[in-house]
Amino acid sequence: MSLSQRNDRKGKCRLCNADAFLCQSHLIPRFIYREFVKSSPTGYMRKSDNINKRVQDGIKAHWLCHKCERSLSQWEKAFSEKIHQIPSNAEKISYDDWL
């Protein structure tokens, strides 16, 4: 049994409404959390309710089945590579069905 399977729970997928094992998914995409850490003066994230304790990763919940998690992950990856990482002075951004 893989680590991800041990963290899965049975429930209803919030995207496709299927009864399935749900992945432990980031509520905010991981690339956003990486930006928080990168721009942090300390190089770490902290929670507002306990600022003295470092946070390793962002908030996760069991919301999506594996199929929906993979689909959403592909869209997030495309957004991260094609939109998020574009310099702020870019004149025009092209997109297609992926967005």
PDB file of N, CA and C in Angstrom:
ATOM      1  N   MET A   1       0.844  -1.183   0.000  1.00  0.00           N
ATOM      2  CA  MET A   1       0.000   0.000   0.000  1.00  0.00           C
ATOM      3  C   MET A   1       0.891   1.249   0.000  1.00  0.00           C
ATOM      4  N   SER A   2       0.618   2.155  -0.919  1.00  0.00           N
ATOM      5  CA  SER A   2       1.431   3.366  -1.014  1.00  0.00           C
ATOM      6  C   SER A   2       1.013   4.368   0.059  1.00  0.00           C
ATOM      7  N   LEU A   3       1.862   5.377   0.267  1.00  0.00           N
ATOM      8  CA  LEU A   3       1.574   6.417   1.250  1.00  0.00           C
ATOM      9  C   LEU A   3       0.277   7.133   0.913  1.00  0.00           C
ATOM     10  N   SER A   4       0.053   7.442  -0.380  1.00  0.00           N
ATOM     11  CA  SER A   4      -1.167   8.156  -0.754  1.00  0.00           C
ATOM     12  C   SER A   4      -2.403   7.316  -0.473  1.00  0.00           C
ATOM     13  N   GLN A   5      -2.323   5.996  -0.664  1.00  0.00           N
ATOM     14  CA  GLN A   5      -3.469   5.141  -0.385  1.00  0.00           C
ATOM     15  C   GLN A   5      -3.774   5.098   1.107  1.00  0.00           C
ATOM     16  N   ARG A   6      -2.762   5.155   1.951  1.00  0.00           N
ATOM     17  CA  ARG A   6      -2.995   5.146   3.394  1.00  0.00           C
ATOM     18  C   ARG A   6      -3.694   6.421   3.846  1.00  0.00           C
ATOM     19  N   ASN A   7      -3.500   7.525   3.119  1.00  0.00           N
ATOM     20  CA  ASN A   7      -4.117   8.797   3.483  1.00  0.00           C
ATOM     21  C   ASN A   7      -5.497   8.988   2.863  1.00  0.00           C
ATOM     22  N   ASP A   8      -5.931   8.060   1.981  1.00  0.00           N
ATOM     23  CA  ASP A   8      -7.224   8.188   1.327  1.00  0.00           C
ATOM     24  C   ASP A   8      -8.356   7.808   2.276  1.00  0.00           C
ATOM     25  N   ARG A   9      -9.513   8.402   2.022  1.00  0.00           N
ATOM     26  CA  ARG A   9     -10.710   8.095   2.790  1.00  0.00           C
ATOM     27  C   ARG A   9     -11.872   7.906   1.821  1.00  0.00           C
ATOM     28  N   LYS A  10     -12.795   7.072   2.187  1.00  0.00           N
ATOM     29  CA  LYS A  10     -13.985   6.856   1.371  1.00  0.00           C
ATOM     30  C   LYS A  10     -14.938   8.028   1.573  1.00  0.00           C
ATOM     31  N   GLY A  11     -15.541   8.496   0.477  1.00  0.00           N
ATOM     32  CA  GLY A  11     -16.489   9.591   0.573  1.00  0.00           C
ATOM     33  C   GLY A  11     -17.015   9.980  -0.789  1.00  0.00           C
ATOM     34  N   LYS A  12     -17.674  11.120  -0.868  1.00  0.00           N
ATOM     35  CA  LYS A  12     -18.248  11.620  -2.109  1.00  0.00           C
ATOM     36  C   LYS A  12     -17.347  12.717  -2.674  1.00  0.00           C
ATOM     37  N   CYS A  13     -16.902  12.518  -3.916  1.00  0.00           N
ATOM     38  CA  CYS A  13     -16.038  13.496  -4.582  1.00  0.00           C
ATOM     39  C   CYS A  13     -16.812  14.805  -4.757  1.00  0.00           C
ATOM     40  N   ARG A  14     -16.195  15.894  -4.405  1.00  0.00           N
ATOM     41  CA  ARG A  14     -16.857  17.197  -4.485  1.00  0.00           C
ATOM     42  C   ARG A  14     -16.868  17.774  -5.893  1.00  0.00           C
ATOM     43  N   LEU A  15     -16.210  17.099  -6.835  1.00  0.00           N
ATOM     44  CA  LEU A  15     -16.219  17.580  -8.213  1.00  0.00           C
ATOM     45  C   LEU A  15     -17.167  16.752  -9.079  1.00  0.00           C
ATOM     46  N   CYS A  16     -17.032  15.417  -9.046  1.00  0.00           N
ATOM     47  CA  CYS A  16     -17.867  14.555  -9.900  1.00  0.00           C
ATOM     48  C   CYS A  16     -19.008  13.895  -9.134  1.00  0.00           C
ATOM     49  N   ASN A  17     -19.030  14.036  -7.825  1.00  0.00           N
ATOM     50  CA  ASN A  17     -20.092  13.510  -6.964  1.00  0.00           C
ATOM     51  C   ASN A  17     -20.095  11.984  -6.855  1.00  0.00           C
ATOM     52  N   ALA A  18     -19.018  11.329  -7.264  1.00  0.00           N
ATOM     53  CA  ALA A  18     -18.933   9.869  -7.193  1.00  0.00           C
ATOM     54  C   ALA A  18     -18.554   9.431  -5.771  1.00  0.00           C
ATOM     55  N   ASP A  19     -19.068   8.271  -5.358  1.00  0.00           N
ATOM     56  CA  ASP A  19     -18.613   7.655  -4.119  1.00  0.00           C
ATOM     57  C   ASP A  19     -17.298   6.953  -4.425  1.00  0.00           C
ATOM     58  N   ALA A  20     -16.225   7.355  -3.773  1.00  0.00           N
ATOM     59  CA  ALA A  20     -14.905   6.829  -4.108  1.00  0.00           C
ATOM     60  C   ALA A  20     -13.943   7.097  -2.957  1.00  0.00           C
ATOM     61  N   PHE A  21     -12.729   6.552  -3.091  1.00  0.00           N
ATOM     62  CA  PHE A  21     -11.670   6.929  -2.168  1.00  0.00           C
ATOM     63  C   PHE A  21     -11.214   8.330  -2.548  1.00  0.00           C
ATOM     64  N   LEU A  22     -11.121   9.205  -1.571  1.00  0.00           N
ATOM     65  CA  LEU A  22     -10.766  10.606  -1.815  1.00  0.00           C
ATOM     66  C   LEU A  22      -9.312  10.860  -1.462  1.00  0.00           C
ATOM     67  N   CYS A  23      -8.649  11.594  -2.321  1.00  0.00           N
ATOM     68  CA  CYS A  23      -7.244  11.950  -2.115  1.00  0.00           C
ATOM     69  C   CYS A  23      -7.138  13.066  -1.077  1.00  0.00           C
ATOM     70  N   GLN A  24      -6.008  13.123  -0.441  1.00  0.00           N
ATOM     71  CA  GLN A  24      -5.707  14.255   0.432  1.00  0.00           C
ATOM     72  C   GLN A  24      -5.102  15.316  -0.485  1.00  0.00           C
ATOM     73  N   SER A  25      -5.877  16.350  -0.786  1.00  0.00           N
ATOM     74  CA  SER A  25      -5.512  17.344  -1.797  1.00  0.00           C
ATOM     75  C   SER A  25      -5.256  18.704  -1.169  1.00  0.00           C
ATOM     76  N   HIS A  26      -4.351  19.457  -1.792  1.00  0.00           N
ATOM     77  CA  HIS A  26      -4.135  20.844  -1.370  1.00  0.00           C
ATOM     78  C   HIS A  26      -5.372  21.666  -1.706  1.00  0.00           C
ATOM     79  N   LEU A  27      -5.827  22.497  -0.781  1.00  0.00           N
ATOM     80  CA  LEU A  27      -6.954  23.377  -1.064  1.00  0.00           C
ATOM     81  C   LEU A  27      -6.523  24.524  -1.963  1.00  0.00           C
ATOM     82  N   ILE A  28      -5.319  24.981  -1.781  1.00  0.00           N
ATOM     83  CA  ILE A  28      -4.688  25.970  -2.659  1.00  0.00           C
ATOM     84  C   ILE A  28      -3.548  25.226  -3.347  1.00  0.00           C
ATOM     85  N   PRO A  29      -3.391  25.383  -4.665  1.00  0.00           N
ATOM     86  CA  PRO A  29      -2.358  24.611  -5.375  1.00  0.00           C
ATOM     87  C   PRO A  29      -0.974  24.758  -4.744  1.00  0.00           C
ATOM     88  N   ARG A  30      -0.217  23.683  -4.805  1.00  0.00           N
ATOM     89  CA  ARG A  30       1.112  23.632  -4.195  1.00  0.00           C
ATOM     90  C   ARG A  30       2.045  24.729  -4.734  1.00  0.00           C
ATOM     91  N   PHE A  31       1.918  25.079  -6.030  1.00  0.00           N
ATOM     92  CA  PHE A  31       2.816  26.106  -6.580  1.00  0.00           C
ATOM     93  C   PHE A  31       2.610  27.459  -5.901  1.00  0.00           C
ATOM     94  N   ILE A  32       1.428  27.712  -5.374  1.00  0.00           N
ATOM     95  CA  ILE A  32       1.181  28.956  -4.635  1.00  0.00           C
ATOM     96  C   ILE A  32       1.920  28.912  -3.307  1.00  0.00           C
ATOM     97  N   TYR A  33       1.861  27.772  -2.618  1.00  0.00           N
ATOM     98  CA  TYR A  33       2.593  27.628  -1.352  1.00  0.00           C
ATOM     99  C   TYR A  33       4.096  27.785  -1.570  1.00  0.00           C
ATOM    100  N   ARG A  34       4.598  27.241  -2.681  1.00  0.00           N
ATOM    101  CA  ARG A  34       6.031  27.395  -2.976  1.00  0.00           C
ATOM    102  C   ARG A  34       6.408  28.867  -3.105  1.00  0.00           C
ATOM    103  N   GLU A  35       5.509  29.656  -3.700  1.00  0.00           N
ATOM    104  CA  GLU A  35       5.748  31.104  -3.816  1.00  0.00           C
ATOM    105  C   GLU A  35       5.770  31.779  -2.446  1.00  0.00           C
ATOM    106  N   PHE A  36       4.876  31.354  -1.547  1.00  0.00           N
ATOM    107  CA  PHE A  36       4.875  31.895  -0.180  1.00  0.00           C
ATOM    108  C   PHE A  36       6.228  31.678   0.480  1.00  0.00           C
ATOM    109  N   VAL A  37       6.732  30.465   0.376  1.00  0.00           N
ATOM    110  CA  VAL A  37       8.010  30.121   1.000  1.00  0.00           C
ATOM    111  C   VAL A  37       9.142  30.905   0.338  1.00  0.00           C
ATOM    112  N   LYS A  38       9.123  30.949  -0.977  1.00  0.00           N
ATOM    113  CA  LYS A  38      10.175  31.636  -1.739  1.00  0.00           C
ATOM    114  C   LYS A  38      10.241  33.135  -1.398  1.00  0.00           C
ATOM    115  N   SER A  39       9.079  33.747  -1.192  1.00  0.00           N
ATOM    116  CA  SER A  39       9.048  35.186  -0.918  1.00  0.00           C
ATOM    117  C   SER A  39       9.086  35.519   0.578  1.00  0.00           C
ATOM    118  N   SER A  40       9.075  34.499   1.411  1.00  0.00           N
ATOM    119  CA  SER A  40       9.099  34.710   2.857  1.00  0.00           C
ATOM    120  C   SER A  40      10.480  35.175   3.316  1.00  0.00           C
ATOM    121  N   PRO A  41      10.541  36.128   4.230  1.00  0.00           N
ATOM    122  CA  PRO A  41      11.845  36.581   4.733  1.00  0.00           C
ATOM    123  C   PRO A  41      12.617  35.477   5.466  1.00  0.00           C
ATOM    124  N   THR A  42      11.881  34.509   6.031  1.00  0.00           N
ATOM    125  CA  THR A  42      12.535  33.440   6.789  1.00  0.00           C
ATOM    126  C   THR A  42      12.751  32.175   5.971  1.00  0.00           C
ATOM    127  N   GLY A  43      12.063  32.074   4.798  1.00  0.00           N
ATOM    128  CA  GLY A  43      12.158  30.860   3.996  1.00  0.00           C
ATOM    129  C   GLY A  43      11.236  29.765   4.476  1.00  0.00           C
ATOM    130  N   TYR A  44      10.287  30.106   5.350  1.00  0.00           N
ATOM    131  CA  TYR A  44       9.335  29.138   5.883  1.00  0.00           C
ATOM    132  C   TYR A  44       7.933  29.731   5.891  1.00  0.00           C
ATOM    133  N   MET A  45       6.945  28.868   6.007  1.00  0.00           N
ATOM    134  CA  MET A  45       5.567  29.313   6.202  1.00  0.00           C
ATOM    135  C   MET A  45       5.224  29.147   7.676  1.00  0.00           C
ATOM    136  N   ARG A  46       4.292  29.967   8.137  1.00  0.00           N
ATOM    137  CA  ARG A  46       3.807  29.864   9.508  1.00  0.00           C
ATOM    138  C   ARG A  46       2.306  30.093   9.502  1.00  0.00           C
ATOM    139  N   LYS A  47       1.610  29.508  10.472  1.00  0.00           N
ATOM    140  CA  LYS A  47       0.177  29.715  10.595  1.00  0.00           C
ATOM    141  C   LYS A  47      -0.072  30.897  11.528  1.00  0.00           C
ATOM    142  N   SER A  48      -1.132  31.617  11.269  1.00  0.00           N
ATOM    143  CA  SER A  48      -1.419  32.807  12.076  1.00  0.00           C
ATOM    144  C   SER A  48      -1.801  32.470  13.512  1.00  0.00           C
ATOM    145  N   ASP A  49      -2.328  31.264  13.748  1.00  0.00           N
ATOM    146  CA  ASP A  49      -2.730  30.925  15.112  1.00  0.00           C
ATOM    147  C   ASP A  49      -1.562  30.446  15.979  1.00  0.00           C
ATOM    148  N   ASN A  50      -0.400  30.174  15.354  1.00  0.00           N
ATOM    149  CA  ASN A  50       0.794  29.780  16.108  1.00  0.00           C
ATOM    150  C   ASN A  50       2.024  30.199  15.293  1.00  0.00           C
ATOM    151  N   ILE A  51       2.355  31.481  15.363  1.00  0.00           N
ATOM    152  CA  ILE A  51       3.400  32.030  14.496  1.00  0.00           C
ATOM    153  C   ILE A  51       4.797  31.517  14.801  1.00  0.00           C
ATOM    154  N   ASN A  52       5.000  30.924  15.945  1.00  0.00           N
ATOM    155  CA  ASN A  52       6.321  30.410  16.301  1.00  0.00           C
ATOM    156  C   ASN A  52       6.582  29.004  15.777  1.00  0.00           C
ATOM    157  N   LYS A  53       5.569  28.386  15.192  1.00  0.00           N
ATOM    158  CA  LYS A  53       5.718  27.033  14.668  1.00  0.00           C
ATOM    159  C   LYS A  53       5.748  27.077  13.144  1.00  0.00           C
ATOM    160  N   ARG A  54       6.794  26.499  12.555  1.00  0.00           N
ATOM    161  CA  ARG A  54       6.899  26.430  11.106  1.00  0.00           C
ATOM    162  C   ARG A  54       5.888  25.436  10.548  1.00  0.00           C
ATOM    163  N   VAL A  55       5.387  25.736   9.365  1.00  0.00           N
ATOM    164  CA  VAL A  55       4.447  24.857   8.677  1.00  0.00           C
ATOM    165  C   VAL A  55       5.160  24.271   7.471  1.00  0.00           C
ATOM    166  N   GLN A  56       5.103  22.960   7.331  1.00  0.00           N
ATOM    167  CA  GLN A  56       5.810  22.270   6.263  1.00  0.00           C
ATOM    168  C   GLN A  56       5.083  22.373   4.925  1.00  0.00           C
ATOM    169  N   ASP A  57       3.752  22.366   4.962  1.00  0.00           N
ATOM    170  CA  ASP A  57       2.979  22.296   3.737  1.00  0.00           C
ATOM    171  C   ASP A  57       1.669  23.047   3.922  1.00  0.00           C
ATOM    172  N   GLY A  58       0.930  23.229   2.817  1.00  0.00           N
ATOM    173  CA  GLY A  58      -0.333  23.935   2.874  1.00  0.00           C
ATOM    174  C   GLY A  58      -1.474  23.068   3.384  1.00  0.00           C
ATOM    175  N   ILE A  59      -2.630  23.684   3.528  1.00  0.00           N
ATOM    176  CA  ILE A  59      -3.814  23.006   4.034  1.00  0.00           C
ATOM    177  C   ILE A  59      -4.307  21.980   3.016  1.00  0.00           C
ATOM    178  N   LYS A  60      -4.662  20.791   3.521  1.00  0.00           N
ATOM    179  CA  LYS A  60      -5.164  19.713   2.668  1.00  0.00           C
ATOM    180  C   LYS A  60      -6.490  19.201   3.207  1.00  0.00           C
ATOM    181  N   ALA A  61      -7.283  18.615   2.309  1.00  0.00           N
ATOM    182  CA  ALA A  61      -8.553  18.008   2.706  1.00  0.00           C
ATOM    183  C   ALA A  61      -8.854  16.845   1.767  1.00  0.00           C
ATOM    184  N   HIS A  62      -9.688  15.951   2.221  1.00  0.00           N
ATOM    185  CA  HIS A  62     -10.131  14.826   1.405  1.00  0.00           C
ATOM    186  C   HIS A  62     -11.377  15.266   0.634  1.00  0.00           C
ATOM    187  N   TRP A  63     -11.182  15.792  -0.569  1.00  0.00           N
ATOM    188  CA  TRP A  63     -12.289  16.339  -1.348  1.00  0.00           C
ATOM    189  C   TRP A  63     -12.489  15.650  -2.683  1.00  0.00           C
ATOM    190  N   LEU A  64     -11.404  15.209  -3.340  1.00  0.00           N
ATOM    191  CA  LEU A  64     -11.501  14.729  -4.720  1.00  0.00           C
ATOM    192  C   LEU A  64     -11.117  13.265  -4.861  1.00  0.00           C
ATOM    193  N   CYS A  65     -11.801  12.568  -5.798  1.00  0.00           N
ATOM    194  CA  CYS A  65     -11.408  11.203  -6.142  1.00  0.00           C
ATOM    195  C   CYS A  65     -10.113  11.272  -6.958  1.00  0.00           C
ATOM    196  N   HIS A  66      -9.468  10.135  -7.155  1.00  0.00           N
ATOM    197  CA  HIS A  66      -8.191  10.116  -7.870  1.00  0.00           C
ATOM    198  C   HIS A  66      -8.321  10.667  -9.294  1.00  0.00           C
ATOM    199  N   LYS A  67      -9.395  10.316  -9.983  1.00  0.00           N
ATOM    200  CA  LYS A  67      -9.594  10.775 -11.363  1.00  0.00           C
ATOM    201  C   LYS A  67      -9.703  12.302 -11.416  1.00  0.00           C
ATOM    202  N   CYS A  68     -10.522  12.885 -10.568  1.00  0.00           N
ATOM    203  CA  CYS A  68     -10.688  14.343 -10.551  1.00  0.00           C
ATOM    204  C   CYS A  68      -9.421  15.047 -10.074  1.00  0.00           C
ATOM    205  N   GLU A  69      -8.726  14.443  -9.111  1.00  0.00           N
ATOM    206  CA  GLU A  69      -7.465  15.020  -8.628  1.00  0.00           C
ATOM    207  C   GLU A  69      -6.449  15.096  -9.759  1.00  0.00           C
ATOM    208  N   ARG A  70      -6.354  14.037 -10.562  1.00  0.00           N
ATOM    209  CA  ARG A  70      -5.414  14.035 -11.698  1.00  0.00           C
ATOM    210  C   ARG A  70      -5.798  15.089 -12.725  1.00  0.00           C
ATOM    211  N   SER A  71      -7.088  15.188 -13.032  1.00  0.00           N
ATOM    212  CA  SER A  71      -7.548  16.197 -14.003  1.00  0.00           C
ATOM    213  C   SER A  71      -7.244  17.604 -13.521  1.00  0.00           C
ATOM    214  N   LEU A  72      -7.610  17.879 -12.283  1.00  0.00           N
ATOM    215  CA  LEU A  72      -7.372  19.205 -11.727  1.00  0.00           C
ATOM    216  C   LEU A  72      -5.883  19.508 -11.656  1.00  0.00           C
ATOM    217  N   SER A  73      -5.103  18.517 -11.310  1.00  0.00           N
ATOM    218  CA  SER A  73      -3.654  18.680 -11.233  1.00  0.00           C
ATOM    219  C   SER A  73      -3.062  19.062 -12.595  1.00  0.00           C
ATOM    220  N   GLN A  74      -3.562  18.464 -13.654  1.00  0.00           N
ATOM    221  CA  GLN A  74      -3.084  18.802 -15.003  1.00  0.00           C
ATOM    222  C   GLN A  74      -3.417  20.247 -15.341  1.00  0.00           C
ATOM    223  N   TRP A  75      -4.626  20.699 -14.994  1.00  0.00           N
ATOM    224  CA  TRP A  75      -5.022  22.086 -15.268  1.00  0.00           C
ATOM    225  C   TRP A  75      -4.182  23.055 -14.432  1.00  0.00           C
ATOM    226  N   GLU A  76      -3.936  22.706 -13.176  1.00  0.00           N
ATOM    227  CA  GLU A  76      -3.111  23.560 -12.316  1.00  0.00           C
ATOM    228  C   GLU A  76      -1.690  23.664 -12.857  1.00  0.00           C
ATOM    229  N   LYS A  77      -1.151  22.546 -13.333  1.00  0.00           N
ATOM    230  CA  LYS A  77       0.205  22.538 -13.896  1.00  0.00           C
ATOM    231  C   LYS A  77       0.268  23.450 -15.116  1.00  0.00           C
ATOM    232  N   ALA A  78      -0.716  23.327 -16.004  1.00  0.00           N
ATOM    233  CA  ALA A  78      -0.751  24.176 -17.200  1.00  0.00           C
ATOM    234  C   ALA A  78      -0.865  25.639 -16.810  1.00  0.00           C
ATOM    235  N   PHE A  79      -1.731  25.956 -15.848  1.00  0.00           N
ATOM    236  CA  PHE A  79      -1.876  27.337 -15.391  1.00  0.00           C
ATOM    237  C   PHE A  79      -0.567  27.858 -14.811  1.00  0.00           C
ATOM    238  N   SER A  80       0.068  27.048 -13.986  1.00  0.00           N
ATOM    239  CA  SER A  80       1.324  27.444 -13.358  1.00  0.00           C
ATOM    240  C   SER A  80       2.395  27.741 -14.403  1.00  0.00           C
ATOM    241  N   GLU A  81       2.514  26.863 -15.389  1.00  0.00           N
ATOM    242  CA  GLU A  81       3.570  27.021 -16.401  1.00  0.00           C
ATOM    243  C   GLU A  81       3.266  28.115 -17.413  1.00  0.00           C
ATOM    244  N   LYS A  82       1.988  28.270 -17.796  1.00  0.00           N
ATOM    245  CA  LYS A  82       1.642  29.170 -18.899  1.00  0.00           C
ATOM    246  C   LYS A  82       1.152  30.544 -18.459  1.00  0.00           C
ATOM    247  N   ILE A  83       0.701  30.676 -17.240  1.00  0.00           N
ATOM    248  CA  ILE A  83       0.167  31.957 -16.765  1.00  0.00           C
ATOM    249  C   ILE A  83       0.945  32.477 -15.556  1.00  0.00           C
ATOM    250  N   HIS A  84       1.024  31.681 -14.510  1.00  0.00           N
ATOM    251  CA  HIS A  84       1.613  32.118 -13.246  1.00  0.00           C
ATOM    252  C   HIS A  84       3.080  32.507 -13.377  1.00  0.00           C
ATOM    253  N   GLN A  85       3.821  31.790 -14.205  1.00  0.00           N
ATOM    254  CA  GLN A  85       5.260  32.035 -14.317  1.00  0.00           C
ATOM    255  C   GLN A  85       5.614  33.070 -15.391  1.00  0.00           C
ATOM    256  N   ILE A  86       4.634  33.668 -16.019  1.00  0.00           N
ATOM    257  CA  ILE A  86       4.882  34.683 -17.046  1.00  0.00           C
ATOM    258  C   ILE A  86       5.224  36.001 -16.348  1.00  0.00           C
ATOM    259  N   PRO A  87       6.210  36.715 -16.844  1.00  0.00           N
ATOM    260  CA  PRO A  87       6.568  38.004 -16.217  1.00  0.00           C
ATOM    261  C   PRO A  87       5.378  38.958 -16.194  1.00  0.00           C
ATOM    262  N   SER A  88       5.316  39.791 -15.185  1.00  0.00           N
ATOM    263  CA  SER A  88       4.187  40.710 -15.017  1.00  0.00           C
ATOM    264  C   SER A  88       4.115  41.750 -16.136  1.00  0.00           C
ATOM    265  N   ASN A  89       5.202  41.953 -16.879  1.00  0.00           N
ATOM    266  CA  ASN A  89       5.188  42.939 -17.955  1.00  0.00           C
ATOM    267  C   ASN A  89       4.821  42.322 -19.306  1.00  0.00           C
ATOM    268  N   ALA A  90       4.344  41.083 -19.319  1.00  0.00           N
ATOM    269  CA  ALA A  90       3.948  40.429 -20.568  1.00  0.00           C
ATOM    270  C   ALA A  90       2.752  41.159 -21.164  1.00  0.00           C
ATOM    271  N   GLU A  91       2.813  41.407 -22.454  1.00  0.00           N
ATOM    272  CA  GLU A  91       1.762  42.134 -23.157  1.00  0.00           C
ATOM    273  C   GLU A  91       0.520  41.274 -23.398  1.00  0.00           C
ATOM    274  N   LYS A  92       0.745  40.019 -23.798  1.00  0.00           N
ATOM    275  CA  LYS A  92      -0.363  39.174 -24.218  1.00  0.00           C
ATOM    276  C   LYS A  92      -0.115  37.735 -23.767  1.00  0.00           C
ATOM    277  N   ILE A  93      -1.172  37.093 -23.318  1.00  0.00           N
ATOM    278  CA  ILE A  93      -1.084  35.693 -22.907  1.00  0.00           C
ATOM    279  C   ILE A  93      -2.066  34.902 -23.761  1.00  0.00           C
ATOM    280  N   SER A  94      -1.568  33.906 -24.456  1.00  0.00           N
ATOM    281  CA  SER A  94      -2.430  33.058 -25.279  1.00  0.00           C
ATOM    282  C   SER A  94      -2.907  31.874 -24.460  1.00  0.00           C
ATOM    283  N   TYR A  95      -4.144  31.457 -24.711  1.00  0.00           N
ATOM    284  CA  TYR A  95      -4.663  30.284 -24.016  1.00  0.00           C
ATOM    285  C   TYR A  95      -5.598  29.514 -24.961  1.00  0.00           C
ATOM    286  N   ASP A  96      -5.913  28.314 -24.544  1.00  0.00           N
ATOM    287  CA  ASP A  96      -6.753  27.435 -25.339  1.00  0.00           C
ATOM    288  C   ASP A  96      -7.758  26.743 -24.425  1.00  0.00           C
ATOM    289  N   ASP A  97      -8.223  25.575 -24.785  1.00  0.00           N
ATOM    290  CA  ASP A  97      -9.226  24.845 -24.004  1.00  0.00           C
ATOM    291  C   ASP A  97      -8.771  24.496 -22.598  1.00  0.00           C
ATOM    292  N   TRP A  98      -7.463  24.404 -22.372  1.00  0.00           N
ATOM    293  CA  TRP A  98      -6.950  24.034 -21.047  1.00  0.00           C
ATOM    294  C   TRP A  98      -7.337  25.081 -19.996  1.00  0.00           C
ATOM    295  N   LEU A  99      -7.634  26.298 -20.413  1.00  0.00           N
ATOM    296  CA  LEU A  99      -7.984  27.344 -19.453  1.00  0.00           C
ATOM    297  C   LEU A  99      -9.482  27.597 -19.500  1.00  0.00           C
TER     298      LEU A  99
END
